[in-house]
Amino acid sequence: MNPPKLTPEQRKEGLRKALQLRAERAELKKKLKKGEINLNNVFRMTGPAVERIRARDLLSSLPRVGKITAKKIMGEVKIAESRRIKGLGVRQKRDLLFRFGK
């Protein structure tokens, strides 16, 4: 199955949307790192920019949590490496909120 043929305008629009979503995700992770928002706020947010963030990227954006600690936490809470925020279960979210406070 081949991908659909896009016109140059459709391709340009798709690239613009992708760039906007990346910028929104970067801004969200920056606010999380600075402590302007917390994990509970992120779980309550909706939209493609939030829902498509990988769980490991979100955790490593928390203050005092790096890539290695995020991977360790994901193992303890049983979150797959490829899991995105949208795909986290109720128990996984609850365990993360318990670990990092509300």
PDB file of N, CA and C in Angstrom:
ATOM      1  N   MET A   1       0.846  -1.182   0.000  1.00  0.00           N
ATOM      2  CA  MET A   1       0.000   0.000   0.000  1.00  0.00           C
ATOM      3  C   MET A   1       0.884   1.236   0.000  1.00  0.00           C
ATOM      4  N   ASN A   2       0.708   2.070  -0.985  1.00  0.00           N
ATOM      5  CA  ASN A   2       1.499   3.280  -1.125  1.00  0.00           C
ATOM      6  C   ASN A   2       0.835   4.450  -0.414  1.00  0.00           C
ATOM      7  N   PRO A   3       1.637   5.365   0.115  1.00  0.00           N
ATOM      8  CA  PRO A   3       1.042   6.558   0.728  1.00  0.00           C
ATOM      9  C   PRO A   3       0.360   7.408  -0.334  1.00  0.00           C
ATOM     10  N   PRO A   4      -0.618   8.200   0.078  1.00  0.00           N
ATOM     11  CA  PRO A   4      -1.325   9.022  -0.901  1.00  0.00           C
ATOM     12  C   PRO A   4      -0.399  10.082  -1.500  1.00  0.00           C
ATOM     13  N   LYS A   5      -0.671  10.410  -2.739  1.00  0.00           N
ATOM     14  CA  LYS A   5       0.090  11.472  -3.401  1.00  0.00           C
ATOM     15  C   LYS A   5      -0.426  12.820  -2.907  1.00  0.00           C
ATOM     16  N   LEU A   6       0.474  13.644  -2.439  1.00  0.00           N
ATOM     17  CA  LEU A   6       0.100  14.957  -1.921  1.00  0.00           C
ATOM     18  C   LEU A   6       0.548  16.046  -2.883  1.00  0.00           C
ATOM     19  N   THR A   7      -0.268  17.074  -2.946  1.00  0.00           N
ATOM     20  CA  THR A   7       0.131  18.232  -3.736  1.00  0.00           C
ATOM     21  C   THR A   7       1.173  18.992  -2.927  1.00  0.00           C
ATOM     22  N   PRO A   8       1.946  19.842  -3.566  1.00  0.00           N
ATOM     23  CA  PRO A   8       2.925  20.630  -2.810  1.00  0.00           C
ATOM     24  C   PRO A   8       2.288  21.460  -1.695  1.00  0.00           C
ATOM     25  N   GLU A   9       1.064  21.950  -1.915  1.00  0.00           N
ATOM     26  CA  GLU A   9       0.379  22.735  -0.895  1.00  0.00           C
ATOM     27  C   GLU A   9       0.005  21.858   0.304  1.00  0.00           C
ATOM     28  N   GLN A  10      -0.473  20.634   0.040  1.00  0.00           N
ATOM     29  CA  GLN A  10      -0.832  19.718   1.116  1.00  0.00           C
ATOM     30  C   GLN A  10       0.407  19.319   1.922  1.00  0.00           C
ATOM     31  N   ARG A  11       1.494  19.079   1.231  1.00  0.00           N
ATOM     32  CA  ARG A  11       2.746  18.725   1.899  1.00  0.00           C
ATOM     33  C   ARG A  11       3.234  19.877   2.775  1.00  0.00           C
ATOM     34  N   LYS A  12       3.151  21.097   2.244  1.00  0.00           N
ATOM     35  CA  LYS A  12       3.577  22.279   2.997  1.00  0.00           C
ATOM     36  C   LYS A  12       2.717  22.471   4.240  1.00  0.00           C
ATOM     37  N   GLU A  13       1.409  22.263   4.103  1.00  0.00           N
ATOM     38  CA  GLU A  13       0.496  22.397   5.236  1.00  0.00           C
ATOM     39  C   GLU A  13       0.786  21.329   6.294  1.00  0.00           C
ATOM     40  N   GLY A  14       1.049  20.106   5.876  1.00  0.00           N
ATOM     41  CA  GLY A  14       1.389  19.036   6.804  1.00  0.00           C
ATOM     42  C   GLY A  14       2.675  19.337   7.566  1.00  0.00           C
ATOM     43  N   LEU A  15       3.672  19.850   6.880  1.00  0.00           N
ATOM     44  CA  LEU A  15       4.931  20.214   7.525  1.00  0.00           C
ATOM     45  C   LEU A  15       4.729  21.350   8.526  1.00  0.00           C
ATOM     46  N   ARG A  16       3.876  22.303   8.173  1.00  0.00           N
ATOM     47  CA  ARG A  16       3.597  23.418   9.075  1.00  0.00           C
ATOM     48  C   ARG A  16       2.919  22.919  10.353  1.00  0.00           C
ATOM     49  N   LYS A  17       1.939  22.016  10.206  1.00  0.00           N
ATOM     50  CA  LYS A  17       1.244  21.466  11.373  1.00  0.00           C
ATOM     51  C   LYS A  17       2.197  20.672  12.257  1.00  0.00           C
ATOM     52  N   ALA A  18       3.061  19.882  11.634  1.00  0.00           N
ATOM     53  CA  ALA A  18       4.022  19.080  12.406  1.00  0.00           C
ATOM     54  C   ALA A  18       4.976  19.978  13.186  1.00  0.00           C
ATOM     55  N   LEU A  19       5.431  21.045  12.575  1.00  0.00           N
ATOM     56  CA  LEU A  19       6.329  21.987  13.233  1.00  0.00           C
ATOM     57  C   LEU A  19       5.635  22.664  14.408  1.00  0.00           C
ATOM     58  N   GLN A  20       4.369  23.018  14.233  1.00  0.00           N
ATOM     59  CA  GLN A  20       3.605  23.649  15.306  1.00  0.00           C
ATOM     60  C   GLN A  20       3.437  22.693  16.488  1.00  0.00           C
ATOM     61  N   LEU A  21       3.117  21.424  16.221  1.00  0.00           N
ATOM     62  CA  LEU A  21       2.953  20.447  17.295  1.00  0.00           C
ATOM     63  C   LEU A  21       4.264  20.207  18.039  1.00  0.00           C
ATOM     64  N   ARG A  22       5.378  20.138  17.312  1.00  0.00           N
ATOM     65  CA  ARG A  22       6.686  19.965  17.963  1.00  0.00           C
ATOM     66  C   ARG A  22       7.000  21.139  18.869  1.00  0.00           C
ATOM     67  N   ALA A  23       6.674  22.344  18.408  1.00  0.00           N
ATOM     68  CA  ALA A  23       6.925  23.541  19.214  1.00  0.00           C
ATOM     69  C   ALA A  23       6.058  23.531  20.477  1.00  0.00           C
ATOM     70  N   GLU A  24       4.805  23.109  20.356  1.00  0.00           N
ATOM     71  CA  GLU A  24       3.916  23.039  21.518  1.00  0.00           C
ATOM     72  C   GLU A  24       4.415  22.012  22.532  1.00  0.00           C
ATOM     73  N   ARG A  25       4.873  20.847  22.038  1.00  0.00           N
ATOM     74  CA  ARG A  25       5.408  19.824  22.944  1.00  0.00           C
ATOM     75  C   ARG A  25       6.660  20.319  23.640  1.00  0.00           C
ATOM     76  N   ALA A  26       7.531  21.001  22.913  1.00  0.00           N
ATOM     77  CA  ALA A  26       8.765  21.537  23.511  1.00  0.00           C
ATOM     78  C   ALA A  26       8.436  22.567  24.583  1.00  0.00           C
ATOM     79  N   GLU A  27       7.464  23.414  24.343  1.00  0.00           N
ATOM     80  CA  GLU A  27       7.061  24.426  25.318  1.00  0.00           C
ATOM     81  C   GLU A  27       6.481  23.767  26.571  1.00  0.00           C
ATOM     82  N   LEU A  28       5.668  22.742  26.378  1.00  0.00           N
ATOM     83  CA  LEU A  28       5.077  22.026  27.508  1.00  0.00           C
ATOM     84  C   LEU A  28       6.173  21.380  28.364  1.00  0.00           C
ATOM     85  N   LYS A  29       7.134  20.727  27.730  1.00  0.00           N
ATOM     86  CA  LYS A  29       8.217  20.084  28.473  1.00  0.00           C
ATOM     87  C   LYS A  29       9.085  21.117  29.186  1.00  0.00           C
ATOM     88  N   LYS A  30       9.263  22.277  28.576  1.00  0.00           N
ATOM     89  CA  LYS A  30      10.041  23.358  29.202  1.00  0.00           C
ATOM     90  C   LYS A  30       9.342  23.866  30.466  1.00  0.00           C
ATOM     91  N   LYS A  31       8.029  24.051  30.381  1.00  0.00           N
ATOM     92  CA  LYS A  31       7.259  24.499  31.555  1.00  0.00           C
ATOM     93  C   LYS A  31       7.285  23.450  32.656  1.00  0.00           C
ATOM     94  N   LEU A  32       7.235  22.193  32.278  1.00  0.00           N
ATOM     95  CA  LEU A  32       7.288  21.108  33.252  1.00  0.00           C
ATOM     96  C   LEU A  32       8.639  21.093  33.954  1.00  0.00           C
ATOM     97  N   LYS A  33       9.711  21.278  33.217  1.00  0.00           N
ATOM     98  CA  LYS A  33      11.059  21.270  33.782  1.00  0.00           C
ATOM     99  C   LYS A  33      11.248  22.428  34.756  1.00  0.00           C
ATOM    100  N   LYS A  34      10.680  23.587  34.423  1.00  0.00           N
ATOM    101  CA  LYS A  34      10.804  24.765  35.288  1.00  0.00           C
ATOM    102  C   LYS A  34       9.872  24.702  36.496  1.00  0.00           C
ATOM    103  N   GLY A  35       8.924  23.775  36.487  1.00  0.00           N
ATOM    104  CA  GLY A  35       7.987  23.660  37.599  1.00  0.00           C
ATOM    105  C   GLY A  35       6.784  24.576  37.474  1.00  0.00           C
ATOM    106  N   GLU A  36       6.572  25.159  36.311  1.00  0.00           N
ATOM    107  CA  GLU A  36       5.426  26.045  36.115  1.00  0.00           C
ATOM    108  C   GLU A  36       4.119  25.258  36.074  1.00  0.00           C
ATOM    109  N   ILE A  37       4.188  24.005  35.620  1.00  0.00           N
ATOM    110  CA  ILE A  37       3.040  23.103  35.641  1.00  0.00           C
ATOM    111  C   ILE A  37       3.507  21.785  36.250  1.00  0.00           C
ATOM    112  N   ASN A  38       2.552  20.958  36.680  1.00  0.00           N
ATOM    113  CA  ASN A  38       2.941  19.673  37.254  1.00  0.00           C
ATOM    114  C   ASN A  38       2.344  18.537  36.436  1.00  0.00           C
ATOM    115  N   LEU A  39       2.658  17.330  36.837  1.00  0.00           N
ATOM    116  CA  LEU A  39       2.232  16.142  36.106  1.00  0.00           C
ATOM    117  C   LEU A  39       0.716  16.015  36.069  1.00  0.00           C
ATOM    118  N   ASN A  40       0.054  16.372  37.150  1.00  0.00           N
ATOM    119  CA  ASN A  40      -1.403  16.317  37.193  1.00  0.00           C
ATOM    120  C   ASN A  40      -2.012  17.241  36.141  1.00  0.00           C
ATOM    121  N   ASN A  41      -1.447  18.434  35.964  1.00  0.00           N
ATOM    122  CA  ASN A  41      -1.925  19.359  34.939  1.00  0.00           C
ATOM    123  C   ASN A  41      -1.784  18.747  33.549  1.00  0.00           C
ATOM    124  N   VAL A  42      -0.671  18.100  33.309  1.00  0.00           N
ATOM    125  CA  VAL A  42      -0.417  17.503  31.991  1.00  0.00           C
ATOM    126  C   VAL A  42      -1.428  16.400  31.709  1.00  0.00           C
ATOM    127  N   PHE A  43      -1.714  15.556  32.698  1.00  0.00           N
ATOM    128  CA  PHE A  43      -2.670  14.467  32.492  1.00  0.00           C
ATOM    129  C   PHE A  43      -4.076  14.982  32.227  1.00  0.00           C
ATOM    130  N   ARG A  44      -4.386  16.171  32.690  1.00  0.00           N
ATOM    131  CA  ARG A  44      -5.717  16.748  32.458  1.00  0.00           C
ATOM    132  C   ARG A  44      -5.822  17.452  31.110  1.00  0.00           C
ATOM    133  N   MET A  45      -4.699  17.760  30.494  1.00  0.00           N
ATOM    134  CA  MET A  45      -4.708  18.434  29.198  1.00  0.00           C
ATOM    135  C   MET A  45      -5.132  17.476  28.093  1.00  0.00           C
ATOM    136  N   THR A  46      -5.694  18.039  27.035  1.00  0.00           N
ATOM    137  CA  THR A  46      -6.075  17.246  25.874  1.00  0.00           C
ATOM    138  C   THR A  46      -5.498  17.891  24.627  1.00  0.00           C
ATOM    139  N   GLY A  47      -5.570  17.174  23.549  1.00  0.00           N
ATOM    140  CA  GLY A  47      -5.086  17.685  22.282  1.00  0.00           C
ATOM    141  C   GLY A  47      -3.907  16.861  21.774  1.00  0.00           C
ATOM    142  N   PRO A  48      -3.674  16.902  20.485  1.00  0.00           N
ATOM    143  CA  PRO A  48      -2.629  16.065  19.888  1.00  0.00           C
ATOM    144  C   PRO A  48      -1.223  16.390  20.379  1.00  0.00           C
ATOM    145  N   ALA A  49      -0.959  17.626  20.713  1.00  0.00           N
ATOM    146  CA  ALA A  49       0.383  17.992  21.170  1.00  0.00           C
ATOM    147  C   ALA A  49       0.709  17.301  22.484  1.00  0.00           C
ATOM    148  N   VAL A  50      -0.246  17.209  23.377  1.00  0.00           N
ATOM    149  CA  VAL A  50      -0.027  16.590  24.689  1.00  0.00           C
ATOM    150  C   VAL A  50      -0.103  15.077  24.582  1.00  0.00           C
ATOM    151  N   GLU A  51      -1.121  14.582  23.920  1.00  0.00           N
ATOM    152  CA  GLU A  51      -1.372  13.144  23.884  1.00  0.00           C
ATOM    153  C   GLU A  51      -0.274  12.361  23.167  1.00  0.00           C
ATOM    154  N   ARG A  52       0.452  12.989  22.288  1.00  0.00           N
ATOM    155  CA  ARG A  52       1.468  12.282  21.513  1.00  0.00           C
ATOM    156  C   ARG A  52       2.871  12.356  22.105  1.00  0.00           C
ATOM    157  N   ILE A  53       3.005  12.964  23.270  1.00  0.00           N
ATOM    158  CA  ILE A  53       4.318  12.994  23.929  1.00  0.00           C
ATOM    159  C   ILE A  53       4.608  11.598  24.456  1.00  0.00           C
ATOM    160  N   ARG A  54       5.791  11.118  24.222  1.00  0.00           N
ATOM    161  CA  ARG A  54       6.178   9.811  24.764  1.00  0.00           C
ATOM    162  C   ARG A  54       6.323   9.932  26.282  1.00  0.00           C
ATOM    163  N   ALA A  55       5.927   8.880  26.971  1.00  0.00           N
ATOM    164  CA  ALA A  55       5.965   8.884  28.434  1.00  0.00           C
ATOM    165  C   ALA A  55       7.388   9.119  28.937  1.00  0.00           C
ATOM    166  N   ARG A  56       8.388   8.507  28.294  1.00  0.00           N
ATOM    167  CA  ARG A  56       9.777   8.678  28.747  1.00  0.00           C
ATOM    168  C   ARG A  56      10.230  10.125  28.592  1.00  0.00           C
ATOM    169  N   ASP A  57       9.785  10.799  27.528  1.00  0.00           N
ATOM    170  CA  ASP A  57      10.144  12.208  27.335  1.00  0.00           C
ATOM    171  C   ASP A  57       9.475  13.085  28.382  1.00  0.00           C
ATOM    172  N   LEU A  58       8.226  12.762  28.715  1.00  0.00           N
ATOM    173  CA  LEU A  58       7.518  13.520  29.739  1.00  0.00           C
ATOM    174  C   LEU A  58       8.201  13.366  31.094  1.00  0.00           C
ATOM    175  N   LEU A  59       8.523  12.129  31.454  1.00  0.00           N
ATOM    176  CA  LEU A  59       9.163  11.893  32.747  1.00  0.00           C
ATOM    177  C   LEU A  59      10.537  12.543  32.829  1.00  0.00           C
ATOM    178  N   SER A  60      11.304  12.475  31.751  1.00  0.00           N
ATOM    179  CA  SER A  60      12.639  13.077  31.789  1.00  0.00           C
ATOM    180  C   SER A  60      12.572  14.602  31.763  1.00  0.00           C
ATOM    181  N   SER A  61      11.379  15.153  31.505  1.00  0.00           N
ATOM    182  CA  SER A  61      11.200  16.605  31.552  1.00  0.00           C
ATOM    183  C   SER A  61      10.862  17.099  32.949  1.00  0.00           C
ATOM    184  N   LEU A  62      10.601  16.183  33.863  1.00  0.00           N
ATOM    185  CA  LEU A  62      10.307  16.575  35.237  1.00  0.00           C
ATOM    186  C   LEU A  62      11.583  17.047  35.930  1.00  0.00           C
ATOM    187  N   PRO A  63      11.453  17.979  36.875  1.00  0.00           N
ATOM    188  CA  PRO A  63      12.646  18.432  37.614  1.00  0.00           C
ATOM    189  C   PRO A  63      13.314  17.265  38.341  1.00  0.00           C
ATOM    190  N   ARG A  64      14.617  17.224  38.293  1.00  0.00           N
ATOM    191  CA  ARG A  64      15.452  16.220  38.962  1.00  0.00           C
ATOM    192  C   ARG A  64      15.249  14.809  38.426  1.00  0.00           C
ATOM    193  N   VAL A  65      14.712  14.672  37.210  1.00  0.00           N
ATOM    194  CA  VAL A  65      14.561  13.353  36.586  1.00  0.00           C
ATOM    195  C   VAL A  65      15.249  13.401  35.233  1.00  0.00           C
ATOM    196  N   GLY A  66      16.207  12.519  35.052  1.00  0.00           N
ATOM    197  CA  GLY A  66      16.903  12.428  33.774  1.00  0.00           C
ATOM    198  C   GLY A  66      16.445  11.204  33.004  1.00  0.00           C
ATOM    199  N   LYS A  67      17.138  10.888  31.928  1.00  0.00           N
ATOM    200  CA  LYS A  67      16.747   9.765  31.083  1.00  0.00           C
ATOM    201  C   LYS A  67      16.852   8.428  31.811  1.00  0.00           C
ATOM    202  N   ILE A  68      17.904   8.247  32.592  1.00  0.00           N
ATOM    203  CA  ILE A  68      18.106   6.980  33.289  1.00  0.00           C
ATOM    204  C   ILE A  68      17.058   6.793  34.382  1.00  0.00           C
ATOM    205  N   THR A  69      16.794   7.834  35.141  1.00  0.00           N
ATOM    206  CA  THR A  69      15.778   7.750  36.188  1.00  0.00           C
ATOM    207  C   THR A  69      14.400   7.524  35.579  1.00  0.00           C
ATOM    208  N   ALA A  70      14.117   8.196  34.463  1.00  0.00           N
ATOM    209  CA  ALA A  70      12.826   8.022  33.793  1.00  0.00           C
ATOM    210  C   ALA A  70      12.652   6.571  33.350  1.00  0.00           C
ATOM    211  N   LYS A  71      13.706   5.979  32.811  1.00  0.00           N
ATOM    212  CA  LYS A  71      13.634   4.582  32.369  1.00  0.00           C
ATOM    213  C   LYS A  71      13.401   3.651  33.558  1.00  0.00           C
ATOM    214  N   LYS A  72      14.064   3.927  34.676  1.00  0.00           N
ATOM    215  CA  LYS A  72      13.892   3.119  35.887  1.00  0.00           C
ATOM    216  C   LYS A  72      12.453   3.210  36.394  1.00  0.00           C
ATOM    217  N   ILE A  73      11.911   4.414  36.427  1.00  0.00           N
ATOM    218  CA  ILE A  73      10.536   4.628  36.889  1.00  0.00           C
ATOM    219  C   ILE A  73       9.548   3.916  35.970  1.00  0.00           C
ATOM    220  N   MET A  74       9.780   4.002  34.678  1.00  0.00           N
ATOM    221  CA  MET A  74       8.892   3.344  33.725  1.00  0.00           C
ATOM    222  C   MET A  74       8.885   1.837  33.946  1.00  0.00           C
ATOM    223  N   GLY A  75      10.030   1.269  34.276  1.00  0.00           N
ATOM    224  CA  GLY A  75      10.093  -0.159  34.573  1.00  0.00           C
ATOM    225  C   GLY A  75       9.318  -0.504  35.824  1.00  0.00           C
ATOM    226  N   GLU A  76       9.436   0.334  36.847  1.00  0.00           N
ATOM    227  CA  GLU A  76       8.737   0.084  38.110  1.00  0.00           C
ATOM    228  C   GLU A  76       7.222   0.190  37.960  1.00  0.00           C
ATOM    229  N   VAL A  77       6.787   1.137  37.122  1.00  0.00           N
ATOM    230  CA  VAL A  77       5.354   1.362  36.936  1.00  0.00           C
ATOM    231  C   VAL A  77       4.805   0.503  35.787  1.00  0.00           C
ATOM    232  N   LYS A  78       5.694  -0.211  35.112  1.00  0.00           N
ATOM    233  CA  LYS A  78       5.338  -1.084  33.993  1.00  0.00           C
ATOM    234  C   LYS A  78       4.755  -0.312  32.820  1.00  0.00           C
ATOM    235  N   ILE A  79       5.534   0.669  32.354  1.00  0.00           N
ATOM    236  CA  ILE A  79       5.167   1.446  31.173  1.00  0.00           C
ATOM    237  C   ILE A  79       6.143   1.065  30.072  1.00  0.00           C
ATOM    238  N   ALA A  80       5.636   0.689  28.913  1.00  0.00           N
ATOM    239  CA  ALA A  80       6.473   0.313  27.780  1.00  0.00           C
ATOM    240  C   ALA A  80       7.232   1.532  27.263  1.00  0.00           C
ATOM    241  N   GLU A  81       8.418   1.293  26.716  1.00  0.00           N
ATOM    242  CA  GLU A  81       9.261   2.381  26.183  1.00  0.00           C
ATOM    243  C   GLU A  81       8.545   3.203  25.114  1.00  0.00           C
ATOM    244  N   SER A  82       7.727   2.558  24.305  1.00  0.00           N
ATOM    245  CA  SER A  82       7.074   3.239  23.186  1.00  0.00           C
ATOM    246  C   SER A  82       5.757   3.912  23.567  1.00  0.00           C
ATOM    247  N   ARG A  83       5.330   3.783  24.814  1.00  0.00           N
ATOM    248  CA  ARG A  83       4.026   4.291  25.235  1.00  0.00           C
ATOM    249  C   ARG A  83       3.975   5.809  25.212  1.00  0.00           C
ATOM    250  N   ARG A  84       2.866   6.330  24.752  1.00  0.00           N
ATOM    251  CA  ARG A  84       2.629   7.773  24.753  1.00  0.00           C
ATOM    252  C   ARG A  84       1.644   8.112  25.869  1.00  0.00           C
ATOM    253  N   ILE A  85       1.530   9.373  26.190  1.00  0.00           N
ATOM    254  CA  ILE A  85       0.668   9.821  27.284  1.00  0.00           C
ATOM    255  C   ILE A  85      -0.775   9.340  27.085  1.00  0.00           C
ATOM    256  N   LYS A  86      -1.254   9.434  25.874  1.00  0.00           N
ATOM    257  CA  LYS A  86      -2.620   9.033  25.581  1.00  0.00           C
ATOM    258  C   LYS A  86      -2.852   7.563  25.916  1.00  0.00           C
ATOM    259  N   GLY A  87      -1.825   6.736  25.815  1.00  0.00           N
ATOM    260  CA  GLY A  87      -1.972   5.307  26.021  1.00  0.00           C
ATOM    261  C   GLY A  87      -1.732   4.829  27.441  1.00  0.00           C
ATOM    262  N   LEU A  88      -1.474   5.739  28.365  1.00  0.00           N
ATOM    263  CA  LEU A  88      -1.263   5.320  29.754  1.00  0.00           C
ATOM    264  C   LEU A  88      -2.584   4.916  30.398  1.00  0.00           C
ATOM    265  N   GLY A  89      -2.527   3.879  31.194  1.00  0.00           N
ATOM    266  CA  GLY A  89      -3.717   3.419  31.881  1.00  0.00           C
ATOM    267  C   GLY A  89      -3.973   4.219  33.152  1.00  0.00           C
ATOM    268  N   VAL A  90      -5.131   4.006  33.734  1.00  0.00           N
ATOM    269  CA  VAL A  90      -5.519   4.704  34.956  1.00  0.00           C
ATOM    270  C   VAL A  90      -4.535   4.379  36.081  1.00  0.00           C
ATOM    271  N   ARG A  91      -4.185   3.106  36.220  1.00  0.00           N
ATOM    272  CA  ARG A  91      -3.254   2.689  37.268  1.00  0.00           C
ATOM    273  C   ARG A  91      -1.875   3.315  37.068  1.00  0.00           C
ATOM    274  N   GLN A  92      -1.414   3.359  35.825  1.00  0.00           N
ATOM    275  CA  GLN A  92      -0.102   3.943  35.537  1.00  0.00           C
ATOM    276  C   GLN A  92      -0.085   5.433  35.877  1.00  0.00           C
ATOM    277  N   LYS A  93      -1.119   6.145  35.493  1.00  0.00           N
ATOM    278  CA  LYS A  93      -1.197   7.571  35.816  1.00  0.00           C
ATOM    279  C   LYS A  93      -1.253   7.778  37.327  1.00  0.00           C
ATOM    280  N   ARG A  94      -2.059   6.965  38.009  1.00  0.00           N
ATOM    281  CA  ARG A  94      -2.183   7.062  39.462  1.00  0.00           C
ATOM    282  C   ARG A  94      -0.827   6.820  40.131  1.00  0.00           C
ATOM    283  N   ASP A  95      -0.104   5.799  39.686  1.00  0.00           N
ATOM    284  CA  ASP A  95       1.202   5.493  40.272  1.00  0.00           C
ATOM    285  C   ASP A  95       2.206   6.624  40.042  1.00  0.00           C
ATOM    286  N   LEU A  96       2.169   7.215  38.858  1.00  0.00           N
ATOM    287  CA  LEU A  96       3.080   8.333  38.575  1.00  0.00           C
ATOM    288  C   LEU A  96       2.732   9.549  39.431  1.00  0.00           C
ATOM    289  N   LEU A  97       1.445   9.841  39.555  1.00  0.00           N
ATOM    290  CA  LEU A  97       1.036  10.982  40.391  1.00  0.00           C
ATOM    291  C   LEU A  97       1.395  10.739  41.845  1.00  0.00           C
ATOM    292  N   PHE A  98       1.254   9.522  42.336  1.00  0.00           N
ATOM    293  CA  PHE A  98       1.616   9.196  43.693  1.00  0.00           C
ATOM    294  C   PHE A  98       3.127   9.399  43.900  1.00  0.00           C
ATOM    295  N   ARG A  99       3.892   8.979  42.920  1.00  0.00           N
ATOM    296  CA  ARG A  99       5.359   9.068  43.021  1.00  0.00           C
ATOM    297  C   ARG A  99       5.855  10.521  42.998  1.00  0.00           C
ATOM    298  N   PHE A 100       5.232  11.353  42.166  1.00  0.00           N
ATOM    299  CA  PHE A 100       5.693  12.728  41.993  1.00  0.00           C
ATOM    300  C   PHE A 100       4.813  13.757  42.681  1.00  0.00           C
ATOM    301  N   GLY A 101       3.808  13.323  43.406  1.00  0.00           N
ATOM    302  CA  GLY A 101       2.932  14.269  44.088  1.00  0.00           C
ATOM    303  C   GLY A 101       1.976  14.905  43.115  1.00  0.00           C
ATOM    304  N   LYS A 102       0.945  15.505  43.656  1.00  0.00           N
ATOM    305  CA  LYS A 102      -0.073  16.124  42.794  1.00  0.00           C
ATOM    306  C   LYS A 102       0.287  17.553  42.658  1.00  0.00           C
TER     307      LYS A 102
END
